[in-house]
Amino acid sequence: MGMDRIADRAIIDGKRFAAGLLDDITARVKKLEEETGQVPGLAVVLVGEDPASRVYSGRSIARPLPPASLHSNTSFRQKPRRKN
């Protein structure tokens, strides 16, 4: 790739892109709720006792997701024990 191709590149404004994406998701969620009465959501099922997974899911995934109005839920399950 030569230097002449660099001018074709663009810097993406991540915050602006994320805001537009969230606006789009919010509109779709609202439309779905109006048409069906159902609200989509995000569910996380953690199997085992990994503390890092609990922290990650608690901070990143399983929190309320406004303004998109998605609901979230986390379920913790113990690993099944192996039978010898």
PDB file of N, CA and C in Angstrom:
ATOM      1  N   MET A   1       0.859  -1.184   0.000  1.00  0.00           N
ATOM      2  CA  MET A   1       0.000   0.000   0.000  1.00  0.00           C
ATOM      3  C   MET A   1       0.896   1.235   0.000  1.00  0.00           C
ATOM      4  N   GLY A   2       0.662   2.108  -0.949  1.00  0.00           N
ATOM      5  CA  GLY A   2       1.460   3.312  -1.050  1.00  0.00           C
ATOM      6  C   GLY A   2       0.906   4.441  -0.204  1.00  0.00           C
ATOM      7  N   MET A   3       1.651   5.512  -0.118  1.00  0.00           N
ATOM      8  CA  MET A   3       1.236   6.673   0.679  1.00  0.00           C
ATOM      9  C   MET A   3      -0.017   7.323   0.113  1.00  0.00           C
ATOM     10  N   ASP A   4      -0.271   7.160  -1.173  1.00  0.00           N
ATOM     11  CA  ASP A   4      -1.457   7.760  -1.784  1.00  0.00           C
ATOM     12  C   ASP A   4      -2.743   7.136  -1.241  1.00  0.00           C
ATOM     13  N   ARG A   5      -2.683   5.925  -0.690  1.00  0.00           N
ATOM     14  CA  ARG A   5      -3.867   5.250  -0.152  1.00  0.00           C
ATOM     15  C   ARG A   5      -4.238   5.760   1.244  1.00  0.00           C
ATOM     16  N   ILE A   6      -3.340   6.389   1.942  1.00  0.00           N
ATOM     17  CA  ILE A   6      -3.619   6.864   3.300  1.00  0.00           C
ATOM     18  C   ILE A   6      -4.747   7.889   3.297  1.00  0.00           C
ATOM     19  N   ALA A   7      -4.865   8.679   2.272  1.00  0.00           N
ATOM     20  CA  ALA A   7      -5.911   9.706   2.194  1.00  0.00           C
ATOM     21  C   ALA A   7      -7.305   9.088   2.157  1.00  0.00           C
ATOM     22  N   ASP A   8      -7.404   7.802   1.752  1.00  0.00           N
ATOM     23  CA  ASP A   8      -8.695   7.123   1.698  1.00  0.00           C
ATOM     24  C   ASP A   8      -9.188   6.683   3.078  1.00  0.00           C
ATOM     25  N   ARG A   9      -8.375   6.762   4.062  1.00  0.00           N
ATOM     26  CA  ARG A   9      -8.712   6.297   5.408  1.00  0.00           C
ATOM     27  C   ARG A   9      -9.503   7.358   6.160  1.00  0.00           C
ATOM     28  N   ALA A  10     -10.276   6.900   7.142  1.00  0.00           N
ATOM     29  CA  ALA A  10     -11.055   7.838   7.956  1.00  0.00           C
ATOM     30  C   ALA A  10     -10.896   7.469   9.426  1.00  0.00           C
ATOM     31  N   ILE A  11     -10.915   8.458  10.256  1.00  0.00           N
ATOM     32  CA  ILE A  11     -10.891   8.234  11.695  1.00  0.00           C
ATOM     33  C   ILE A  11     -12.327   8.090  12.158  1.00  0.00           C
ATOM     34  N   ILE A  12     -12.605   7.019  12.880  1.00  0.00           N
ATOM     35  CA  ILE A  12     -13.959   6.754  13.360  1.00  0.00           C
ATOM     36  C   ILE A  12     -14.119   7.335  14.757  1.00  0.00           C
ATOM     37  N   ASP A  13     -15.174   8.088  14.954  1.00  0.00           N
ATOM     38  CA  ASP A  13     -15.506   8.622  16.277  1.00  0.00           C
ATOM     39  C   ASP A  13     -16.305   7.545  17.017  1.00  0.00           C
ATOM     40  N   GLY A  14     -15.640   6.786  17.862  1.00  0.00           N
ATOM     41  CA  GLY A  14     -16.256   5.657  18.549  1.00  0.00           C
ATOM     42  C   GLY A  14     -17.440   6.038  19.417  1.00  0.00           C
ATOM     43  N   LYS A  15     -17.330   7.156  20.123  1.00  0.00           N
ATOM     44  CA  LYS A  15     -18.434   7.582  20.996  1.00  0.00           C
ATOM     45  C   LYS A  15     -19.663   7.944  20.170  1.00  0.00           C
ATOM     46  N   ARG A  16     -19.447   8.633  19.064  1.00  0.00           N
ATOM     47  CA  ARG A  16     -20.572   9.002  18.205  1.00  0.00           C
ATOM     48  C   ARG A  16     -21.195   7.762  17.565  1.00  0.00           C
ATOM     49  N   PHE A  17     -20.353   6.835  17.125  1.00  0.00           N
ATOM     50  CA  PHE A  17     -20.848   5.603  16.535  1.00  0.00           C
ATOM     51  C   PHE A  17     -21.661   4.810  17.553  1.00  0.00           C
ATOM     52  N   ALA A  18     -21.139   4.685  18.782  1.00  0.00           N
ATOM     53  CA  ALA A  18     -21.841   3.946  19.839  1.00  0.00           C
ATOM     54  C   ALA A  18     -23.171   4.602  20.177  1.00  0.00           C
ATOM     55  N   ALA A  19     -23.197   5.923  20.220  1.00  0.00           N
ATOM     56  CA  ALA A  19     -24.446   6.632  20.519  1.00  0.00           C
ATOM     57  C   ALA A  19     -25.485   6.374  19.429  1.00  0.00           C
ATOM     58  N   GLY A  20     -25.064   6.395  18.178  1.00  0.00           N
ATOM     59  CA  GLY A  20     -25.983   6.109  17.076  1.00  0.00           C
ATOM     60  C   GLY A  20     -26.488   4.681  17.114  1.00  0.00           C
ATOM     61  N   LEU A  21     -25.602   3.752  17.447  1.00  0.00           N
ATOM     62  CA  LEU A  21     -25.995   2.349  17.559  1.00  0.00           C
ATOM     63  C   LEU A  21     -26.999   2.161  18.692  1.00  0.00           C
ATOM     64  N   LEU A  22     -26.746   2.800  19.820  1.00  0.00           N
ATOM     65  CA  LEU A  22     -27.673   2.704  20.945  1.00  0.00           C
ATOM     66  C   LEU A  22     -29.027   3.316  20.605  1.00  0.00           C
ATOM     67  N   ASP A  23     -29.027   4.424  19.872  1.00  0.00           N
ATOM     68  CA  ASP A  23     -30.288   5.024  19.424  1.00  0.00           C
ATOM     69  C   ASP A  23     -31.068   4.057  18.538  1.00  0.00           C
ATOM     70  N   ASP A  24     -30.363   3.378  17.640  1.00  0.00           N
ATOM     71  CA  ASP A  24     -31.000   2.417  16.743  1.00  0.00           C
ATOM     72  C   ASP A  24     -31.582   1.242  17.538  1.00  0.00           C
ATOM     73  N   ILE A  25     -30.813   0.711  18.467  1.00  0.00           N
ATOM     74  CA  ILE A  25     -31.290  -0.406  19.289  1.00  0.00           C
ATOM     75  C   ILE A  25     -32.490   0.017  20.121  1.00  0.00           C
ATOM     76  N   THR A  26     -32.436   1.216  20.693  1.00  0.00           N
ATOM     77  CA  THR A  26     -33.540   1.721  21.511  1.00  0.00           C
ATOM     78  C   THR A  26     -34.823   1.805  20.686  1.00  0.00           C
ATOM     79  N   ALA A  27     -34.720   2.309  19.462  1.00  0.00           N
ATOM     80  CA  ALA A  27     -35.903   2.412  18.594  1.00  0.00           C
ATOM     81  C   ALA A  27     -36.452   1.031  18.252  1.00  0.00           C
ATOM     82  N   ARG A  28     -35.572   0.073  17.989  1.00  0.00           N
ATOM     83  CA  ARG A  28     -36.014  -1.285  17.654  1.00  0.00           C
ATOM     84  C   ARG A  28     -36.678  -1.967  18.848  1.00  0.00           C
ATOM     85  N   VAL A  29     -36.114  -1.764  20.028  1.00  0.00           N
ATOM     86  CA  VAL A  29     -36.699  -2.349  21.239  1.00  0.00           C
ATOM     87  C   VAL A  29     -38.082  -1.765  21.488  1.00  0.00           C
ATOM     88  N   LYS A  30     -38.192  -0.443  21.357  1.00  0.00           N
ATOM     89  CA  LYS A  30     -39.480   0.214  21.566  1.00  0.00           C
ATOM     90  C   LYS A  30     -40.524  -0.293  20.577  1.00  0.00           C
ATOM     91  N   LYS A  31     -40.131  -0.432  19.315  1.00  0.00           N
ATOM     92  CA  LYS A  31     -41.055  -0.928  18.286  1.00  0.00           C
ATOM     93  C   LYS A  31     -41.488  -2.358  18.594  1.00  0.00           C
ATOM     94  N   LEU A  32     -40.541  -3.207  18.972  1.00  0.00           N
ATOM     95  CA  LEU A  32     -40.863  -4.595  19.309  1.00  0.00           C
ATOM     96  C   LEU A  32     -41.819  -4.663  20.493  1.00  0.00           C
ATOM     97  N   GLU A  33     -41.563  -3.842  21.507  1.00  0.00           N
ATOM     98  CA  GLU A  33     -42.435  -3.828  22.682  1.00  0.00           C
ATOM     99  C   GLU A  33     -43.840  -3.351  22.319  1.00  0.00           C
ATOM    100  N   GLU A  34     -43.940  -2.335  21.475  1.00  0.00           N
ATOM    101  CA  GLU A  34     -45.251  -1.835  21.056  1.00  0.00           C
ATOM    102  C   GLU A  34     -46.014  -2.869  20.239  1.00  0.00           C
ATOM    103  N   GLU A  35     -45.301  -3.590  19.368  1.00  0.00           N
ATOM    104  CA  GLU A  35     -45.954  -4.553  18.481  1.00  0.00           C
ATOM    105  C   GLU A  35     -46.289  -5.878  19.155  1.00  0.00           C
ATOM    106  N   THR A  36     -45.454  -6.304  20.103  1.00  0.00           N
ATOM    107  CA  THR A  36     -45.628  -7.643  20.681  1.00  0.00           C
ATOM    108  C   THR A  36     -45.879  -7.658  22.180  1.00  0.00           C
ATOM    109  N   GLY A  37     -45.575  -6.552  22.837  1.00  0.00           N
ATOM    110  CA  GLY A  37     -45.682  -6.519  24.298  1.00  0.00           C
ATOM    111  C   GLY A  37     -44.509  -7.185  24.996  1.00  0.00           C
ATOM    112  N   GLN A  38     -43.526  -7.625  24.236  1.00  0.00           N
ATOM    113  CA  GLN A  38     -42.363  -8.291  24.810  1.00  0.00           C
ATOM    114  C   GLN A  38     -41.148  -7.381  24.754  1.00  0.00           C
ATOM    115  N   VAL A  39     -40.325  -7.468  25.788  1.00  0.00           N
ATOM    116  CA  VAL A  39     -39.090  -6.699  25.844  1.00  0.00           C
ATOM    117  C   VAL A  39     -37.919  -7.674  25.747  1.00  0.00           C
ATOM    118  N   PRO A  40     -37.047  -7.503  24.758  1.00  0.00           N
ATOM    119  CA  PRO A  40     -35.896  -8.396  24.670  1.00  0.00           C
ATOM    120  C   PRO A  40     -34.940  -8.150  25.823  1.00  0.00           C
ATOM    121  N   GLY A  41     -34.109  -9.127  26.074  1.00  0.00           N
ATOM    122  CA  GLY A  41     -33.164  -8.988  27.166  1.00  0.00           C
ATOM    123  C   GLY A  41     -31.901  -9.790  26.927  1.00  0.00           C
ATOM    124  N   LEU A  42     -31.051  -9.733  27.894  1.00  0.00           N
ATOM    125  CA  LEU A  42     -29.772 -10.418  27.852  1.00  0.00           C
ATOM    126  C   LEU A  42     -29.672 -11.285  29.091  1.00  0.00           C
ATOM    127  N   ALA A  43     -29.421 -12.563  28.902  1.00  0.00           N
ATOM    128  CA  ALA A  43     -29.274 -13.485  30.026  1.00  0.00           C
ATOM    129  C   ALA A  43     -27.861 -14.038  30.035  1.00  0.00           C
ATOM    130  N   VAL A  44     -27.303 -14.163  31.212  1.00  0.00           N
ATOM    131  CA  VAL A  44     -25.970 -14.712  31.389  1.00  0.00           C
ATOM    132  C   VAL A  44     -26.078 -15.873  32.365  1.00  0.00           C
ATOM    133  N   VAL A  45     -25.544 -17.009  31.979  1.00  0.00           N
ATOM    134  CA  VAL A  45     -25.503 -18.162  32.879  1.00  0.00           C
ATOM    135  C   VAL A  45     -24.042 -18.484  33.113  1.00  0.00           C
ATOM    136  N   LEU A  46     -23.613 -18.357  34.347  1.00  0.00           N
ATOM    137  CA  LEU A  46     -22.243 -18.688  34.710  1.00  0.00           C
ATOM    138  C   LEU A  46     -22.238 -20.051  35.387  1.00  0.00           C
ATOM    139  N   VAL A  47     -21.386 -20.928  34.913  1.00  0.00           N
ATOM    140  CA  VAL A  47     -21.276 -22.251  35.499  1.00  0.00           C
ATOM    141  C   VAL A  47     -19.912 -22.345  36.154  1.00  0.00           C
ATOM    142  N   GLY A  48     -19.905 -22.620  37.437  1.00  0.00           N
ATOM    143  CA  GLY A  48     -18.649 -22.722  38.168  1.00  0.00           C
ATOM    144  C   GLY A  48     -18.461 -21.554  39.109  1.00  0.00           C
ATOM    145  N   GLU A  49     -17.286 -21.504  39.679  1.00  0.00           N
ATOM    146  CA  GLU A  49     -16.999 -20.523  40.730  1.00  0.00           C
ATOM    147  C   GLU A  49     -15.860 -19.576  40.356  1.00  0.00           C
ATOM    148  N   ASP A  50     -15.711 -19.236  39.100  1.00  0.00           N
ATOM    149  CA  ASP A  50     -14.621 -18.360  38.689  1.00  0.00           C
ATOM    150  C   ASP A  50     -14.923 -16.925  39.110  1.00  0.00           C
ATOM    151  N   PRO A  51     -14.192 -16.389  40.089  1.00  0.00           N
ATOM    152  CA  PRO A  51     -14.459 -15.025  40.569  1.00  0.00           C
ATOM    153  C   PRO A  51     -14.334 -13.968  39.471  1.00  0.00           C
ATOM    154  N   ALA A  52     -13.401 -14.160  38.546  1.00  0.00           N
ATOM    155  CA  ALA A  52     -13.225 -13.170  37.478  1.00  0.00           C
ATOM    156  C   ALA A  52     -14.461 -13.119  36.581  1.00  0.00           C
ATOM    157  N   SER A  53     -15.080 -14.252  36.328  1.00  0.00           N
ATOM    158  CA  SER A  53     -16.296 -14.278  35.508  1.00  0.00           C
ATOM    159  C   SER A  53     -17.431 -13.552  36.202  1.00  0.00           C
ATOM    160  N   ARG A  54     -17.546 -13.729  37.510  1.00  0.00           N
ATOM    161  CA  ARG A  54     -18.595 -13.026  38.259  1.00  0.00           C
ATOM    162  C   ARG A  54     -18.398 -11.514  38.192  1.00  0.00           C
ATOM    163  N   VAL A  55     -17.160 -11.078  38.343  1.00  0.00           N
ATOM    164  CA  VAL A  55     -16.878  -9.642  38.289  1.00  0.00           C
ATOM    165  C   VAL A  55     -17.186  -9.098  36.901  1.00  0.00           C
ATOM    166  N   TYR A  56     -16.727  -9.806  35.866  1.00  0.00           N
ATOM    167  CA  TYR A  56     -16.963  -9.362  34.490  1.00  0.00           C
ATOM    168  C   TYR A  56     -18.452  -9.273  34.192  1.00  0.00           C
ATOM    169  N   SER A  57     -19.192 -10.313  34.536  1.00  0.00           N
ATOM    170  CA  SER A  57     -20.623 -10.304  34.227  1.00  0.00           C
ATOM    171  C   SER A  57     -21.345  -9.244  35.043  1.00  0.00           C
ATOM    172  N   GLY A  58     -20.921  -9.039  36.264  1.00  0.00           N
ATOM    173  CA  GLY A  58     -21.559  -8.026  37.099  1.00  0.00           C
ATOM    174  C   GLY A  58     -21.330  -6.615  36.604  1.00  0.00           C
ATOM    175  N   ARG A  59     -20.151  -6.359  36.093  1.00  0.00           N
ATOM    176  CA  ARG A  59     -19.812  -5.011  35.636  1.00  0.00           C
ATOM    177  C   ARG A  59     -20.196  -4.756  34.188  1.00  0.00           C
ATOM    178  N   SER A  60     -20.082  -5.763  33.346  1.00  0.00           N
ATOM    179  CA  SER A  60     -20.201  -5.534  31.912  1.00  0.00           C
ATOM    180  C   SER A  60     -21.497  -6.010  31.293  1.00  0.00           C
ATOM    181  N   ILE A  61     -22.006  -7.108  31.765  1.00  0.00           N
ATOM    182  CA  ILE A  61     -23.110  -7.743  31.066  1.00  0.00           C
ATOM    183  C   ILE A  61     -24.418  -7.612  31.814  1.00  0.00           C
ATOM    184  N   ALA A  62     -24.437  -7.994  33.049  1.00  0.00           N
ATOM    185  CA  ALA A  62     -25.695  -8.172  33.765  1.00  0.00           C
ATOM    186  C   ALA A  62     -26.110  -6.933  34.547  1.00  0.00           C
ATOM    187  N   ARG A  63     -26.131  -5.822  33.901  1.00  0.00           N
ATOM    188  CA  ARG A  63     -26.617  -4.597  34.533  1.00  0.00           C
ATOM    189  C   ARG A  63     -27.784  -4.094  33.694  1.00  0.00           C
ATOM    190  N   PRO A  64     -28.623  -3.261  34.251  1.00  0.00           N
ATOM    191  CA  PRO A  64     -29.696  -2.687  33.427  1.00  0.00           C
ATOM    192  C   PRO A  64     -29.098  -1.954  32.237  1.00  0.00           C
ATOM    193  N   LEU A  65     -29.783  -2.006  31.130  1.00  0.00           N
ATOM    194  CA  LEU A  65     -29.240  -1.462  29.898  1.00  0.00           C
ATOM    195  C   LEU A  65     -30.052  -0.288  29.375  1.00  0.00           C
ATOM    196  N   PRO A  66     -30.259   0.747  30.176  1.00  0.00           N
ATOM    197  CA  PRO A  66     -30.989   1.903  29.663  1.00  0.00           C
ATOM    198  C   PRO A  66     -30.117   2.668  28.702  1.00  0.00           C
ATOM    199  N   PRO A  67     -30.611   3.474  27.814  1.00  0.00           N
ATOM    200  CA  PRO A  67     -32.022   3.748  27.617  1.00  0.00           C
ATOM    201  C   PRO A  67     -32.692   2.764  26.668  1.00  0.00           C
ATOM    202  N   ALA A  68     -32.009   1.701  26.297  1.00  0.00           N
ATOM    203  CA  ALA A  68     -32.591   0.757  25.356  1.00  0.00           C
ATOM    204  C   ALA A  68     -33.736  -0.048  25.971  1.00  0.00           C
ATOM    205  N   SER A  69     -33.893  -0.003  27.277  1.00  0.00           N
ATOM    206  CA  SER A  69     -34.970  -0.689  27.989  1.00  0.00           C
ATOM    207  C   SER A  69     -34.856  -2.207  27.936  1.00  0.00           C
ATOM    208  N   LEU A  70     -33.671  -2.713  27.683  1.00  0.00           N
ATOM    209  CA  LEU A  70     -33.462  -4.145  27.740  1.00  0.00           C
ATOM    210  C   LEU A  70     -33.356  -4.562  29.199  1.00  0.00           C
ATOM    211  N   HIS A  71     -33.876  -5.716  29.520  1.00  0.00           N
ATOM    212  CA  HIS A  71     -33.687  -6.221  30.872  1.00  0.00           C
ATOM    213  C   HIS A  71     -32.530  -7.205  30.857  1.00  0.00           C
ATOM    214  N   SER A  72     -31.938  -7.445  32.015  1.00  0.00           N
ATOM    215  CA  SER A  72     -30.830  -8.388  32.082  1.00  0.00           C
ATOM    216  C   SER A  72     -30.973  -9.258  33.319  1.00  0.00           C
ATOM    217  N   ASN A  73     -30.352 -10.413  33.266  1.00  0.00           N
ATOM    218  CA  ASN A  73     -30.438 -11.367  34.360  1.00  0.00           C
ATOM    219  C   ASN A  73     -29.181 -12.215  34.359  1.00  0.00           C
ATOM    220  N   THR A  74     -28.664 -12.483  35.543  1.00  0.00           N
ATOM    221  CA  THR A  74     -27.519 -13.375  35.675  1.00  0.00           C
ATOM    222  C   THR A  74     -27.912 -14.527  36.561  1.00  0.00           C
ATOM    223  N   SER A  75     -27.542 -15.706  36.141  1.00  0.00           N
ATOM    224  CA  SER A  75     -27.827 -16.912  36.914  1.00  0.00           C
ATOM    225  C   SER A  75     -26.508 -17.618  37.197  1.00  0.00           C
ATOM    226  N   PHE A  76     -26.278 -17.941  38.454  1.00  0.00           N
ATOM    227  CA  PHE A  76     -25.064 -18.644  38.839  1.00  0.00           C
ATOM    228  C   PHE A  76     -25.404 -20.096  39.114  1.00  0.00           C
ATOM    229  N   ARG A  77     -24.686 -20.999  38.493  1.00  0.00           N
ATOM    230  CA  ARG A  77     -24.910 -22.430  38.671  1.00  0.00           C
ATOM    231  C   ARG A  77     -23.613 -23.092  39.102  1.00  0.00           C
ATOM    232  N   GLN A  78     -23.731 -24.083  39.946  1.00  0.00           N
ATOM    233  CA  GLN A  78     -22.557 -24.844  40.338  1.00  0.00           C
ATOM    234  C   GLN A  78     -22.258 -25.875  39.264  1.00  0.00           C
ATOM    235  N   LYS A  79     -20.993 -26.174  39.107  1.00  0.00           N
ATOM    236  CA  LYS A  79     -20.611 -27.221  38.166  1.00  0.00           C
ATOM    237  C   LYS A  79     -21.156 -28.547  38.648  1.00  0.00           C
ATOM    238  N   PRO A  80     -21.640 -29.349  37.730  1.00  0.00           N
ATOM    239  CA  PRO A  80     -22.073 -30.698  38.145  1.00  0.00           C
ATOM    240  C   PRO A  80     -20.859 -31.506  38.591  1.00  0.00           C
ATOM    241  N   ARG A  81     -21.051 -32.284  39.606  1.00  0.00           N
ATOM    242  CA  ARG A  81     -19.946 -33.129  40.097  1.00  0.00           C
ATOM    243  C   ARG A  81     -19.841 -34.380  39.235  1.00  0.00           C
ATOM    244  N   ARG A  82     -18.622 -34.771  38.959  1.00  0.00           N
ATOM    245  CA  ARG A  82     -18.398 -35.983  38.170  1.00  0.00           C
ATOM    246  C   ARG A  82     -18.596 -37.203  39.053  1.00  0.00           C
ATOM    247  N   LYS A  83     -19.229 -38.192  38.509  1.00  0.00           N
ATOM    248  CA  LYS A  83     -19.386 -39.456  39.215  1.00  0.00           C
ATOM    249  C   LYS A  83     -18.180 -40.323  38.914  1.00  0.00           C
ATOM    250  N   ASN A  84     -17.619 -40.915  39.950  1.00  0.00           N
ATOM    251  CA  ASN A  84     -16.434 -41.783  39.749  1.00  0.00           C
ATOM    252  C   ASN A  84     -16.836 -43.164  39.371  1.00  0.00           C
TER     253      ASN A  84
END
